[in-house]
Amino acid sequence: MQQDDKAAWDQYYAAAVIALASNPPKATGSPLDDLNNSTMGLANRAAGLADLMLEQRRKR
């Protein structure tokens, strides 16, 4: 990953963390709810979103 891509990904990741933390997923009663709502679950979802945003940036 190039330096400018890394800087953009870091910004996208931070934005995704803020967005996901401010609007947590609804509890479904599943045993996996605690895992999905954990810090690691939030970080994984944010990283996935940052990857998607960077991919869209590269297409432009």
Protein backbone atom coordinates (compact mmCIF):
# COMPACT_ATOMS: atom_id res chain seq x y z
CA MET A 1 0.00 0.00 0.00
CA GLN A 2 1.37 3.37 -0.97
CA GLN A 3 1.81 6.13 1.60
CA ASP A 4 -1.12 8.23 0.31
CA ASP A 5 -3.35 5.12 0.23
CA LYS A 6 -2.34 4.35 3.83
CA ALA A 7 -3.23 7.88 4.94
CA ALA A 8 -6.59 7.69 3.17
CA TRP A 9 -7.30 4.23 4.65
CA ASP A 10 -6.53 5.53 8.16
CA GLN A 11 -9.02 8.36 7.68
CA TYR A 12 -11.65 5.99 6.29
CA TYR A 13 -11.10 3.62 9.21
CA ALA A 14 -11.51 6.40 11.75
CA ALA A 15 -14.71 7.59 10.07
CA ALA A 16 -16.08 4.03 10.00
CA VAL A 17 -15.29 3.48 13.69
CA ILE A 18 -17.10 6.69 14.63
CA ALA A 19 -20.11 5.84 12.46
CA LEU A 20 -20.38 2.26 13.72
CA ALA A 21 -19.87 3.21 17.37
CA SER A 22 -22.56 5.87 17.22
CA ASN A 23 -25.10 3.47 15.70
CA PRO A 24 -24.58 -0.03 17.16
CA PRO A 25 -26.34 -2.97 15.49
CA LYS A 26 -29.67 -4.08 16.90
CA ALA A 27 -29.59 -7.09 19.20
CA THR A 28 -31.22 -10.12 17.57
CA GLY A 29 -31.04 -12.49 20.52
CA SER A 30 -28.32 -14.50 18.81
CA PRO A 31 -25.44 -15.91 20.86
CA LEU A 32 -23.16 -14.02 18.46
CA ASP A 33 -24.58 -10.61 19.45
CA ASP A 34 -21.93 -10.11 22.13
CA LEU A 35 -19.17 -10.99 19.67
CA ASN A 36 -20.52 -8.67 16.96
CA ASN A 37 -20.90 -5.81 19.46
CA SER A 38 -17.46 -6.28 20.99
CA THR A 39 -14.55 -3.95 20.38
CA MET A 40 -12.94 -6.50 18.07
CA GLY A 41 -16.17 -6.91 16.12
CA LEU A 42 -16.46 -3.15 15.69
CA ALA A 43 -12.82 -2.91 14.59
CA ASN A 44 -13.29 -5.69 12.03
CA ARG A 45 -16.41 -4.11 10.56
CA ALA A 46 -14.68 -0.71 10.40
CA ALA A 47 -11.66 -2.23 8.65
CA GLY A 48 -13.93 -3.88 6.09
CA LEU A 49 -15.66 -0.58 5.41
CA ALA A 50 -12.32 1.22 5.10
CA ASP A 51 -11.19 -1.40 2.58
CA LEU A 52 -14.35 -0.85 0.52
CA MET A 53 -13.97 2.93 0.61
CA LEU A 54 -10.32 2.69 -0.47
CA GLU A 55 -11.29 0.36 -3.30
CA GLN A 56 -13.85 2.92 -4.51
CA ARG A 57 -11.22 5.67 -4.24
CA ARG A 58 -8.84 3.69 -6.45
CA LYS A 59 -11.53 3.26 -9.12
CA ARG A 60 -11.85 7.02 -9.54
